[in-house]
Amino acid sequence: AKVIEAVKKSVPEMESLVHRGRGWAKIISDSGSTQAVIT
């Protein structure tokens, strides 16, 4: 939130900003597993 406020002050002409959440997950089933990116 502090970074967003600093950007808004530094770039007043900015029209939009997107905050994205990202993470990793391990998906497991009876037959196998895989790593996945969650966004």
Full PDB file with SEQRES, HELIX, SHEET, SSBOND, CRYST1, ORIGX, SCALE, CONECT and MASTER records, all heavy atoms in Angstrom:
SEQRES   1 A   39  ALA LYS VAL ILE GLU ALA VAL LYS LYS SER VAL PRO GLU          
SEQRES   2 A   39  MET GLU SER LEU VAL HIS ARG GLY ARG GLY TRP ALA LYS          
SEQRES   3 A   39  ILE ILE SER ASP SER GLY SER THR GLN ALA VAL ILE THR          
HELIX    1 AA1 LYS A    2  SER A   10  1                                   9    
SHEET    1 AA1 2 GLY A  23  ILE A  28  0                                        
SHEET    2 AA1 2 SER A  33  ILE A  38 -1                                        
CRYST1    1.000    1.000    1.000  90.00  90.00  90.00 P 1           1          
ORIGX1      1.000000  0.000000  0.000000        0.00000                         
ORIGX2      0.000000  1.000000  0.000000        0.00000                         
ORIGX3      0.000000  0.000000  1.000000        0.00000                         
SCALE1      1.000000  0.000000  0.000000        0.00000                         
SCALE2      0.000000  1.000000  0.000000        0.00000                         
SCALE3      0.000000  0.000000  1.000000        0.00000                         
ATOM      1  N   ALA A   1       0.836  -1.209   0.000  1.00  0.00           N  
ATOM      2  CA  ALA A   1       0.000   0.000   0.000  1.00  0.00           C  
ATOM      3  C   ALA A   1       0.869   1.257   0.000  1.00  0.00           C  
ATOM      4  O   ALA A   1       0.532   2.248  -0.653  1.00  0.00           O  
ATOM      5  CB  ALA A   1      -0.944  -0.007   1.186  1.00  0.00           C  
ATOM      6  N   LYS A   2       2.004   1.219   0.702  1.00  0.00           N  
ATOM      7  CA  LYS A   2       2.922   2.354   0.722  1.00  0.00           C  
ATOM      8  C   LYS A   2       3.548   2.562  -0.658  1.00  0.00           C  
ATOM      9  O   LYS A   2       3.743   3.694  -1.083  1.00  0.00           O  
ATOM     10  CB  LYS A   2       4.015   2.146   1.769  1.00  0.00           C  
ATOM     11  CG  LYS A   2       3.502   2.219   3.192  1.00  0.00           C  
ATOM     12  CD  LYS A   2       4.631   2.004   4.179  1.00  0.00           C  
ATOM     13  CE  LYS A   2       4.134   2.061   5.615  1.00  0.00           C  
ATOM     14  NZ  LYS A   2       5.216   1.824   6.581  1.00  0.00           N  
ATOM     15  N   VAL A   3       3.850   1.466  -1.346  1.00  0.00           N  
ATOM     16  CA  VAL A   3       4.409   1.561  -2.698  1.00  0.00           C  
ATOM     17  C   VAL A   3       3.382   2.179  -3.641  1.00  0.00           C  
ATOM     18  O   VAL A   3       3.696   3.061  -4.449  1.00  0.00           O  
ATOM     19  CB  VAL A   3       4.853   0.176  -3.206  1.00  0.00           C  
ATOM     20  CG1 VAL A   3       5.331   0.247  -4.646  1.00  0.00           C  
ATOM     21  CG2 VAL A   3       5.937  -0.407  -2.310  1.00  0.00           C  
ATOM     22  N   ILE A   4       2.130   1.738  -3.540  1.00  0.00           N  
ATOM     23  CA  ILE A   4       1.066   2.275  -4.387  1.00  0.00           C  
ATOM     24  C   ILE A   4       0.900   3.768  -4.163  1.00  0.00           C  
ATOM     25  O   ILE A   4       0.780   4.543  -5.111  1.00  0.00           O  
ATOM     26  CB  ILE A   4      -0.259   1.518  -4.145  1.00  0.00           C  
ATOM     27  CG1 ILE A   4      -0.140   0.086  -4.679  1.00  0.00           C  
ATOM     28  CG2 ILE A   4      -1.436   2.244  -4.795  1.00  0.00           C  
ATOM     29  CD1 ILE A   4      -1.297  -0.818  -4.319  1.00  0.00           C  
ATOM     30  N   GLU A   5       0.900   4.218  -2.923  1.00  0.00           N  
ATOM     31  CA  GLU A   5       0.768   5.647  -2.617  1.00  0.00           C  
ATOM     32  C   GLU A   5       1.937   6.441  -3.181  1.00  0.00           C  
ATOM     33  O   GLU A   5       1.757   7.530  -3.718  1.00  0.00           O  
ATOM     34  CB  GLU A   5       0.619   5.867  -1.114  1.00  0.00           C  
ATOM     35  CG  GLU A   5      -0.724   5.423  -0.571  1.00  0.00           C  
ATOM     36  CD  GLU A   5      -1.902   6.048  -1.309  1.00  0.00           C  
ATOM     37  OE1 GLU A   5      -1.911   7.276  -1.530  1.00  0.00           O  
ATOM     38  OE2 GLU A   5      -2.812   5.284  -1.707  1.00  0.00           O  
ATOM     39  N   ALA A   6       3.149   5.902  -3.067  1.00  0.00           N  
ATOM     40  CA  ALA A   6       4.329   6.591  -3.609  1.00  0.00           C  
ATOM     41  C   ALA A   6       4.237   6.706  -5.132  1.00  0.00           C  
ATOM     42  O   ALA A   6       4.567   7.756  -5.701  1.00  0.00           O  
ATOM     43  CB  ALA A   6       5.605   5.839  -3.214  1.00  0.00           C  
ATOM     44  N   VAL A   7       3.755   5.665  -5.793  1.00  0.00           N  
ATOM     45  CA  VAL A   7       3.607   5.705  -7.254  1.00  0.00           C  
ATOM     46  C   VAL A   7       2.546   6.729  -7.647  1.00  0.00           C  
ATOM     47  O   VAL A   7       2.734   7.501  -8.587  1.00  0.00           O  
ATOM     48  CB  VAL A   7       3.266   4.305  -7.815  1.00  0.00           C  
ATOM     49  CG1 VAL A   7       2.886   4.374  -9.282  1.00  0.00           C  
ATOM     50  CG2 VAL A   7       4.426   3.348  -7.606  1.00  0.00           C  
ATOM     51  N   LYS A   8       1.427   6.751  -6.936  1.00  0.00           N  
ATOM     52  CA  LYS A   8       0.363   7.728  -7.239  1.00  0.00           C  
ATOM     53  C   LYS A   8       0.871   9.164  -7.124  1.00  0.00           C  
ATOM     54  O   LYS A   8       0.519  10.012  -7.939  1.00  0.00           O  
ATOM     55  CB  LYS A   8      -0.830   7.523  -6.300  1.00  0.00           C  
ATOM     56  CG  LYS A   8      -1.655   6.303  -6.628  1.00  0.00           C  
ATOM     57  CD  LYS A   8      -2.805   6.163  -5.642  1.00  0.00           C  
ATOM     58  CE  LYS A   8      -3.658   4.951  -5.938  1.00  0.00           C  
ATOM     59  NZ  LYS A   8      -4.751   4.800  -4.956  1.00  0.00           N  
ATOM     60  N   LYS A   9       1.711   9.430  -6.123  1.00  0.00           N  
ATOM     61  CA  LYS A   9       2.272  10.771  -5.957  1.00  0.00           C  
ATOM     62  C   LYS A   9       3.300  11.091  -7.045  1.00  0.00           C  
ATOM     63  O   LYS A   9       3.367  12.216  -7.529  1.00  0.00           O  
ATOM     64  CB  LYS A   9       2.917  10.903  -4.575  1.00  0.00           C  
ATOM     65  CG  LYS A   9       1.916  10.956  -3.448  1.00  0.00           C  
ATOM     66  CD  LYS A   9       2.611  11.038  -2.103  1.00  0.00           C  
ATOM     67  CE  LYS A   9       1.591  10.995  -0.975  1.00  0.00           C  
ATOM     68  NZ  LYS A   9       2.235  10.953   0.342  1.00  0.00           N  
ATOM     69  N   SER A  10       4.094  10.086  -7.418  1.00  0.00           N  
ATOM     70  CA  SER A  10       5.152  10.301  -8.401  1.00  0.00           C  
ATOM     71  C   SER A  10       4.646  10.345  -9.836  1.00  0.00           C  
ATOM     72  O   SER A  10       5.267  10.958 -10.695  1.00  0.00           O  
ATOM     73  CB  SER A  10       6.196   9.185  -8.297  1.00  0.00           C  
ATOM     74  OG  SER A  10       6.804   9.213  -7.035  1.00  0.00           O  
ATOM     75  N   VAL A  11       3.515   9.680 -10.091  1.00  0.00           N  
ATOM     76  CA  VAL A  11       2.981   9.588 -11.455  1.00  0.00           C  
ATOM     77  C   VAL A  11       1.504  10.001 -11.433  1.00  0.00           C  
ATOM     78  O   VAL A  11       0.602   9.176 -11.561  1.00  0.00           O  
ATOM     79  CB  VAL A  11       3.132   8.155 -12.021  1.00  0.00           C  
ATOM     80  CG1 VAL A  11       2.789   8.105 -13.497  1.00  0.00           C  
ATOM     81  CG2 VAL A  11       4.525   7.611 -11.782  1.00  0.00           C  
ATOM     82  N   PRO A  12       1.219  11.295 -11.253  1.00  0.00           N  
ATOM     83  CA  PRO A  12      -0.173  11.740 -11.137  1.00  0.00           C  
ATOM     84  C   PRO A  12      -1.010  11.501 -12.390  1.00  0.00           C  
ATOM     85  O   PRO A  12      -2.233  11.405 -12.305  1.00  0.00           O  
ATOM     86  CB  PRO A  12      -0.050  13.230 -10.825  1.00  0.00           C  
ATOM     87  CG  PRO A  12       1.310  13.618 -11.284  1.00  0.00           C  
ATOM     88  CD  PRO A  12       2.165  12.397 -11.154  1.00  0.00           C  
ATOM     89  N   GLU A  13      -0.363  11.352 -13.545  1.00  0.00           N  
ATOM     90  CA  GLU A  13      -1.112  11.110 -14.783  1.00  0.00           C  
ATOM     91  C   GLU A  13      -1.519   9.641 -14.965  1.00  0.00           C  
ATOM     92  O   GLU A  13      -2.220   9.299 -15.911  1.00  0.00           O  
ATOM     93  CB  GLU A  13      -0.299  11.580 -15.996  1.00  0.00           C  
ATOM     94  CG  GLU A  13       0.958  10.784 -16.277  1.00  0.00           C  
ATOM     95  CD  GLU A  13       2.194  11.223 -15.488  1.00  0.00           C  
ATOM     96  OE1 GLU A  13       2.076  11.976 -14.505  1.00  0.00           O  
ATOM     97  OE2 GLU A  13       3.288  10.811 -15.863  1.00  0.00           O  
ATOM     98  N   MET A  14      -1.113   8.773 -14.034  1.00  0.00           N  
ATOM     99  CA  MET A  14      -1.450   7.357 -14.118  1.00  0.00           C  
ATOM    100  C   MET A  14      -2.965   7.174 -14.098  1.00  0.00           C  
ATOM    101  O   MET A  14      -3.660   7.749 -13.270  1.00  0.00           O  
ATOM    102  CB  MET A  14      -0.826   6.610 -12.937  1.00  0.00           C  
ATOM    103  CG  MET A  14      -1.148   5.139 -12.902  1.00  0.00           C  
ATOM    104  SD  MET A  14      -0.314   4.266 -11.551  1.00  0.00           S  
ATOM    105  CE  MET A  14      -1.045   5.064 -10.124  1.00  0.00           C  
ATOM    106  N   GLU A  15      -3.478   6.382 -15.034  1.00  0.00           N  
ATOM    107  CA  GLU A  15      -4.915   6.145 -15.124  1.00  0.00           C  
ATOM    108  C   GLU A  15      -5.372   4.944 -14.320  1.00  0.00           C  
ATOM    109  O   GLU A  15      -6.510   4.902 -13.859  1.00  0.00           O  
ATOM    110  CB  GLU A  15      -5.329   5.975 -16.584  1.00  0.00           C  
ATOM    111  CG  GLU A  15      -5.197   7.244 -17.380  1.00  0.00           C  
ATOM    112  CD  GLU A  15      -5.714   7.089 -18.794  1.00  0.00           C  
ATOM    113  OE1 GLU A  15      -6.365   6.067 -19.091  1.00  0.00           O  
ATOM    114  OE2 GLU A  15      -5.467   7.992 -19.596  1.00  0.00           O  
ATOM    115  N   SER A  16      -4.527   3.934 -14.173  1.00  0.00           N  
ATOM    116  CA  SER A  16      -4.921   2.765 -13.398  1.00  0.00           C  
ATOM    117  C   SER A  16      -3.693   2.029 -12.888  1.00  0.00           C  
ATOM    118  O   SER A  16      -2.588   2.222 -13.384  1.00  0.00           O  
ATOM    119  CB  SER A  16      -5.785   1.816 -14.233  1.00  0.00           C  
ATOM    120  OG  SER A  16      -5.021   1.247 -15.268  1.00  0.00           O  
ATOM    121  N   LEU A  17      -3.913   1.198 -11.899  1.00  0.00           N  
ATOM    122  CA  LEU A  17      -2.871   0.398 -11.289  1.00  0.00           C  
ATOM    123  C   LEU A  17      -3.509  -0.923 -10.882  1.00  0.00           C  
ATOM    124  O   LEU A  17      -4.626  -0.933 -10.365  1.00  0.00           O  
ATOM    125  CB  LEU A  17      -2.321   1.125 -10.064  1.00  0.00           C  
ATOM    126  CG  LEU A  17      -1.202   0.435  -9.313  1.00  0.00           C  
ATOM    127  CD1 LEU A  17      -0.188   1.469  -8.854  1.00  0.00           C  
ATOM    128  CD2 LEU A  17      -1.726  -0.355  -8.156  1.00  0.00           C  
ATOM    129  N   VAL A  18      -2.836  -2.022 -11.131  1.00  0.00           N  
ATOM    130  CA  VAL A  18      -3.377  -3.337 -10.794  1.00  0.00           C  
ATOM    131  C   VAL A  18      -2.475  -4.003  -9.774  1.00  0.00           C  
ATOM    132  O   VAL A  18      -1.276  -4.166 -10.008  1.00  0.00           O  
ATOM    133  CB  VAL A  18      -3.491  -4.230 -12.051  1.00  0.00           C  
ATOM    134  CG1 VAL A  18      -4.004  -5.614 -11.674  1.00  0.00           C  
ATOM    135  CG2 VAL A  18      -4.396  -3.597 -13.081  1.00  0.00           C  
ATOM    136  N   HIS A  19      -3.046  -4.368  -8.647  1.00  0.00           N  
ATOM    137  CA  HIS A  19      -2.324  -5.142  -7.636  1.00  0.00           C  
ATOM    138  C   HIS A  19      -2.680  -6.602  -7.880  1.00  0.00           C  
ATOM    139  O   HIS A  19      -3.856  -6.977  -7.871  1.00  0.00           O  
ATOM    140  CB  HIS A  19      -2.749  -4.707  -6.230  1.00  0.00           C  
ATOM    141  CG  HIS A  19      -2.250  -5.630  -5.172  1.00  0.00           C  
ATOM    142  ND1 HIS A  19      -3.080  -6.321  -4.347  1.00  0.00           N  
ATOM    143  CD2 HIS A  19      -1.004  -5.992  -4.832  1.00  0.00           C  
ATOM    144  CE1 HIS A  19      -2.370  -7.080  -3.532  1.00  0.00           C  
ATOM    145  NE2 HIS A  19      -1.109  -6.892  -3.807  1.00  0.00           N  
ATOM    146  N   ARG A  20      -1.671  -7.426  -8.134  1.00  0.00           N  
ATOM    147  CA  ARG A  20      -1.906  -8.839  -8.424  1.00  0.00           C  
ATOM    148  C   ARG A  20      -1.302  -9.704  -7.333  1.00  0.00           C  
ATOM    149  O   ARG A  20      -0.186  -9.455  -6.891  1.00  0.00           O  
ATOM    150  CB  ARG A  20      -1.293  -9.219  -9.768  1.00  0.00           C  
ATOM    151  CG  ARG A  20      -1.952  -8.528 -10.914  1.00  0.00           C  
ATOM    152  CD  ARG A  20      -1.464  -9.077 -12.235  1.00  0.00           C  
ATOM    153  NE  ARG A  20      -2.282  -8.542 -13.309  1.00  0.00           N  
ATOM    154  CZ  ARG A  20      -1.818  -7.848 -14.320  1.00  0.00           C  
ATOM    155  NH1 ARG A  20      -0.534  -7.609 -14.402  1.00  0.00           N  
ATOM    156  NH2 ARG A  20      -2.618  -7.391 -15.253  1.00  0.00           N  
ATOM    157  N   GLY A  21      -2.039 -10.706  -6.936  1.00  0.00           N  
ATOM    158  CA  GLY A  21      -1.530 -11.688  -5.984  1.00  0.00           C  
ATOM    159  C   GLY A  21      -1.005 -12.895  -6.738  1.00  0.00           C  
ATOM    160  O   GLY A  21      -1.612 -13.335  -7.712  1.00  0.00           O  
ATOM    161  N   ARG A  22       0.138 -13.415  -6.320  1.00  0.00           N  
ATOM    162  CA  ARG A  22       0.727 -14.581  -6.981  1.00  0.00           C  
ATOM    163  C   ARG A  22       1.246 -15.548  -5.942  1.00  0.00           C  
ATOM    164  O   ARG A  22       1.656 -15.159  -4.863  1.00  0.00           O  
ATOM    165  CB  ARG A  22       1.878 -14.153  -7.891  1.00  0.00           C  
ATOM    166  CG  ARG A  22       1.422 -13.329  -9.050  1.00  0.00           C  
ATOM    167  CD  ARG A  22       2.528 -13.094 -10.038  1.00  0.00           C  
ATOM    168  NE  ARG A  22       1.996 -12.349 -11.157  1.00  0.00           N  
ATOM    169  CZ  ARG A  22       2.657 -11.433 -11.810  1.00  0.00           C  
ATOM    170  NH1 ARG A  22       3.876 -11.139 -11.473  1.00  0.00           N  
ATOM    171  NH2 ARG A  22       2.101 -10.797 -12.816  1.00  0.00           N  
ATOM    172  N   GLY A  23       1.231 -16.801  -6.299  1.00  0.00           N  
ATOM    173  CA  GLY A  23       1.767 -17.813  -5.401  1.00  0.00           C  
ATOM    174  C   GLY A  23       1.962 -19.131  -6.116  1.00  0.00           C  
ATOM    175  O   GLY A  23       1.644 -19.276  -7.294  1.00  0.00           O  
ATOM    176  N   TRP A  24       2.503 -20.098  -5.397  1.00  0.00           N  
ATOM    177  CA  TRP A  24       2.725 -21.442  -5.924  1.00  0.00           C  
ATOM    178  C   TRP A  24       1.853 -22.417  -5.165  1.00  0.00           C  
ATOM    179  O   TRP A  24       1.580 -22.241  -3.990  1.00  0.00           O  
ATOM    180  CB  TRP A  24       4.184 -21.863  -5.746  1.00  0.00           C  
ATOM    181  CG  TRP A  24       5.118 -21.221  -6.711  1.00  0.00           C  
ATOM    182  CD1 TRP A  24       5.901 -20.127  -6.472  1.00  0.00           C  
ATOM    183  CD2 TRP A  24       5.364 -21.602  -8.052  1.00  0.00           C  
ATOM    184  NE1 TRP A  24       6.607 -19.813  -7.598  1.00  0.00           N  
ATOM    185  CE2 TRP A  24       6.306 -20.710  -8.585  1.00  0.00           C  
ATOM    186  CE3 TRP A  24       4.887 -22.622  -8.875  1.00  0.00           C  
ATOM    187  CZ2 TRP A  24       6.784 -20.798  -9.879  1.00  0.00           C  
ATOM    188  CZ3 TRP A  24       5.365 -22.704 -10.162  1.00  0.00           C  
ATOM    189  CH2 TRP A  24       6.303 -21.806 -10.655  1.00  0.00           C  
ATOM    190  N   ALA A  25       1.427 -23.461  -5.848  1.00  0.00           N  
ATOM    191  CA  ALA A  25       0.661 -24.517  -5.201  1.00  0.00           C  
ATOM    192  C   ALA A  25       1.091 -25.855  -5.762  1.00  0.00           C  
ATOM    193  O   ALA A  25       1.526 -25.954  -6.908  1.00  0.00           O  
ATOM    194  CB  ALA A  25      -0.828 -24.321  -5.446  1.00  0.00           C  
ATOM    195  N   LYS A  26       0.984 -26.886  -4.954  1.00  0.00           N  
ATOM    196  CA  LYS A  26       1.230 -28.242  -5.438  1.00  0.00           C  
ATOM    197  C   LYS A  26      -0.127 -28.921  -5.532  1.00  0.00           C  
ATOM    198  O   LYS A  26      -0.839 -29.039  -4.538  1.00  0.00           O  
ATOM    199  CB  LYS A  26       2.152 -29.011  -4.498  1.00  0.00           C  
ATOM    200  CG  LYS A  26       2.562 -30.362  -5.047  1.00  0.00           C  
ATOM    201  CD  LYS A  26       3.654 -30.982  -4.201  1.00  0.00           C  
ATOM    202  CE  LYS A  26       4.183 -32.214  -4.915  1.00  0.00           C  
ATOM    203  NZ  LYS A  26       5.317 -32.776  -4.164  1.00  0.00           N  
ATOM    204  N   ILE A  27      -0.485 -29.335  -6.732  1.00  0.00           N  
ATOM    205  CA  ILE A  27      -1.765 -29.986  -6.973  1.00  0.00           C  
ATOM    206  C   ILE A  27      -1.519 -31.489  -6.960  1.00  0.00           C  
ATOM    207  O   ILE A  27      -0.683 -31.997  -7.703  1.00  0.00           O  
ATOM    208  CB  ILE A  27      -2.369 -29.539  -8.321  1.00  0.00           C  
ATOM    209  CG1 ILE A  27      -2.537 -28.012  -8.313  1.00  0.00           C  
ATOM    210  CG2 ILE A  27      -3.681 -30.252  -8.587  1.00  0.00           C  
ATOM    211  CD1 ILE A  27      -2.893 -27.425  -9.644  1.00  0.00           C  
ATOM    212  N   ILE A  28      -2.259 -32.190  -6.105  1.00  0.00           N  
ATOM    213  CA  ILE A  28      -2.031 -33.619  -5.896  1.00  0.00           C  
ATOM    214  C   ILE A  28      -3.312 -34.388  -6.197  1.00  0.00           C  
ATOM    215  O   ILE A  28      -4.393 -34.006  -5.762  1.00  0.00           O  
ATOM    216  CB  ILE A  28      -1.595 -33.899  -4.445  1.00  0.00           C  
ATOM    217  CG1 ILE A  28      -0.343 -33.086  -4.113  1.00  0.00           C  
ATOM    218  CG2 ILE A  28      -1.362 -35.385  -4.221  1.00  0.00           C  
ATOM    219  CD1 ILE A  28       0.026 -33.099  -2.650  1.00  0.00           C  
ATOM    220  N   SER A  29      -3.168 -35.494  -6.934  1.00  0.00           N  
ATOM    221  CA  SER A  29      -4.303 -36.383  -7.202  1.00  0.00           C  
ATOM    222  C   SER A  29      -3.878 -37.820  -6.903  1.00  0.00           C  
ATOM    223  O   SER A  29      -2.730 -38.078  -6.524  1.00  0.00           O  
ATOM    224  CB  SER A  29      -4.758 -36.268  -8.659  1.00  0.00           C  
ATOM    225  OG  SER A  29      -3.822 -36.885  -9.518  1.00  0.00           O  
ATOM    226  N   ASP A  30      -4.771 -38.754  -7.122  1.00  0.00           N  
ATOM    227  CA  ASP A  30      -4.443 -40.167  -6.898  1.00  0.00           C  
ATOM    228  C   ASP A  30      -3.362 -40.667  -7.854  1.00  0.00           C  
ATOM    229  O   ASP A  30      -2.629 -41.596  -7.537  1.00  0.00           O  
ATOM    230  CB  ASP A  30      -5.694 -41.040  -7.063  1.00  0.00           C  
ATOM    231  CG  ASP A  30      -6.712 -40.818  -5.959  1.00  0.00           C  
ATOM    232  OD1 ASP A  30      -6.316 -40.319  -4.886  1.00  0.00           O  
ATOM    233  OD2 ASP A  30      -7.893 -41.136  -6.176  1.00  0.00           O  
ATOM    234  N   SER A  31      -3.262 -40.029  -9.029  1.00  0.00           N  
ATOM    235  CA  SER A  31      -2.324 -40.526 -10.034  1.00  0.00           C  
ATOM    236  C   SER A  31      -1.057 -39.688 -10.198  1.00  0.00           C  
ATOM    237  O   SER A  31      -0.174 -40.063 -10.957  1.00  0.00           O  
ATOM    238  CB  SER A  31      -3.039 -40.618 -11.395  1.00  0.00           C  
ATOM    239  OG  SER A  31      -3.496 -39.339 -11.781  1.00  0.00           O  
ATOM    240  N   GLY A  32      -0.935 -38.564  -9.517  1.00  0.00           N  
ATOM    241  CA  GLY A  32       0.275 -37.762  -9.656  1.00  0.00           C  
ATOM    242  C   GLY A  32       0.144 -36.391  -9.027  1.00  0.00           C  
ATOM    243  O   GLY A  32      -0.833 -36.093  -8.337  1.00  0.00           O  
ATOM    244  N   SER A  33       1.146 -35.558  -9.280  1.00  0.00           N  
ATOM    245  CA  SER A  33       1.125 -34.197  -8.738  1.00  0.00           C  
ATOM    246  C   SER A  33       1.849 -33.268  -9.702  1.00  0.00           C  
ATOM    247  O   SER A  33       2.620 -33.704 -10.549  1.00  0.00           O  
ATOM    248  CB  SER A  33       1.778 -34.154  -7.359  1.00  0.00           C  
ATOM    249  OG  SER A  33       3.148 -34.448  -7.458  1.00  0.00           O  
ATOM    250  N   THR A  34       1.588 -31.983  -9.556  1.00  0.00           N  
ATOM    251  CA  THR A  34       2.249 -30.973 -10.383  1.00  0.00           C  
ATOM    252  C   THR A  34       2.307 -29.656  -9.611  1.00  0.00           C  
ATOM    253  O   THR A  34       1.536 -29.451  -8.676  1.00  0.00           O  
ATOM    254  CB  THR A  34       1.502 -30.785 -11.724  1.00  0.00           C  
ATOM    255  OG1 THR A  34       2.296 -29.931 -12.565  1.00  0.00           O  
ATOM    256  CG2 THR A  34       0.138 -30.160 -11.537  1.00  0.00           C  
ATOM    257  N   GLN A  35       3.242 -28.801  -9.997  1.00  0.00           N  
ATOM    258  CA  GLN A  35       3.349 -27.466  -9.429  1.00  0.00           C  
ATOM    259  C   GLN A  35       2.532 -26.512 -10.301  1.00  0.00           C  
ATOM    260  O   GLN A  35       2.516 -26.653 -11.522  1.00  0.00           O  
ATOM    261  CB  GLN A  35       4.801 -27.003  -9.407  1.00  0.00           C  
ATOM    262  CG  GLN A  35       5.711 -27.825  -8.544  1.00  0.00           C  
ATOM    263  CD  GLN A  35       5.565 -27.505  -7.065  1.00  0.00           C  
ATOM    264  OE1 GLN A  35       5.144 -26.428  -6.690  1.00  0.00           O  
ATOM    265  NE2 GLN A  35       5.925 -28.450  -6.218  1.00  0.00           N  
ATOM    266  N   ALA A  36       1.872 -25.554  -9.690  1.00  0.00           N  
ATOM    267  CA  ALA A  36       1.068 -24.599 -10.455  1.00  0.00           C  
ATOM    268  C   ALA A  36       1.262 -23.194  -9.915  1.00  0.00           C  
ATOM    269  O   ALA A  36       1.452 -22.998  -8.723  1.00  0.00           O  
ATOM    270  CB  ALA A  36      -0.410 -24.974 -10.379  1.00  0.00           C  
ATOM    271  N   VAL A  37       1.216 -22.220 -10.816  1.00  0.00           N  
ATOM    272  CA  VAL A  37       1.258 -20.811 -10.436  1.00  0.00           C  
ATOM    273  C   VAL A  37      -0.174 -20.351 -10.224  1.00  0.00           C  
ATOM    274  O   VAL A  37      -1.052 -20.629 -11.037  1.00  0.00           O  
ATOM    275  CB  VAL A  37       1.909 -19.953 -11.543  1.00  0.00           C  
ATOM    276  CG1 VAL A  37       1.872 -18.481 -11.175  1.00  0.00           C  
ATOM    277  CG2 VAL A  37       3.327 -20.410 -11.790  1.00  0.00           C  
ATOM    278  N   ILE A  38      -0.421 -19.655  -9.134  1.00  0.00           N  
ATOM    279  CA  ILE A  38      -1.743 -19.098  -8.851  1.00  0.00           C  
ATOM    280  C   ILE A  38      -1.615 -17.587  -8.951  1.00  0.00           C  
ATOM    281  O   ILE A  38      -0.769 -16.978  -8.296  1.00  0.00           O  
ATOM    282  CB  ILE A  38      -2.234 -19.506  -7.455  1.00  0.00           C  
ATOM    283  CG1 ILE A  38      -2.321 -21.023  -7.360  1.00  0.00           C  
ATOM    284  CG2 ILE A  38      -3.569 -18.852  -7.150  1.00  0.00           C  
ATOM    285  CD1 ILE A  38      -2.602 -21.526  -5.973  1.00  0.00           C  
ATOM    286  N   THR A  39      -2.420 -16.974  -9.798  1.00  0.00           N  
ATOM    287  CA  THR A  39      -2.404 -15.531  -9.985  1.00  0.00           C  
ATOM    288  C   THR A  39      -3.820 -15.016  -9.860  1.00  0.00           C  
ATOM    289  O   THR A  39      -4.751 -15.643 -10.345  1.00  0.00           O  
ATOM    290  CB  THR A  39      -1.852 -15.162 -11.378  1.00  0.00           C  
ATOM    291  OG1 THR A  39      -0.558 -15.737 -11.518  1.00  0.00           O  
ATOM    292  CG2 THR A  39      -1.763 -13.674 -11.565  1.00  0.00           C  
TER     293      THR A  39                                                      
MASTER        0    0    0    1    2    0    0    6  292    1    0    3          
END                                                                             
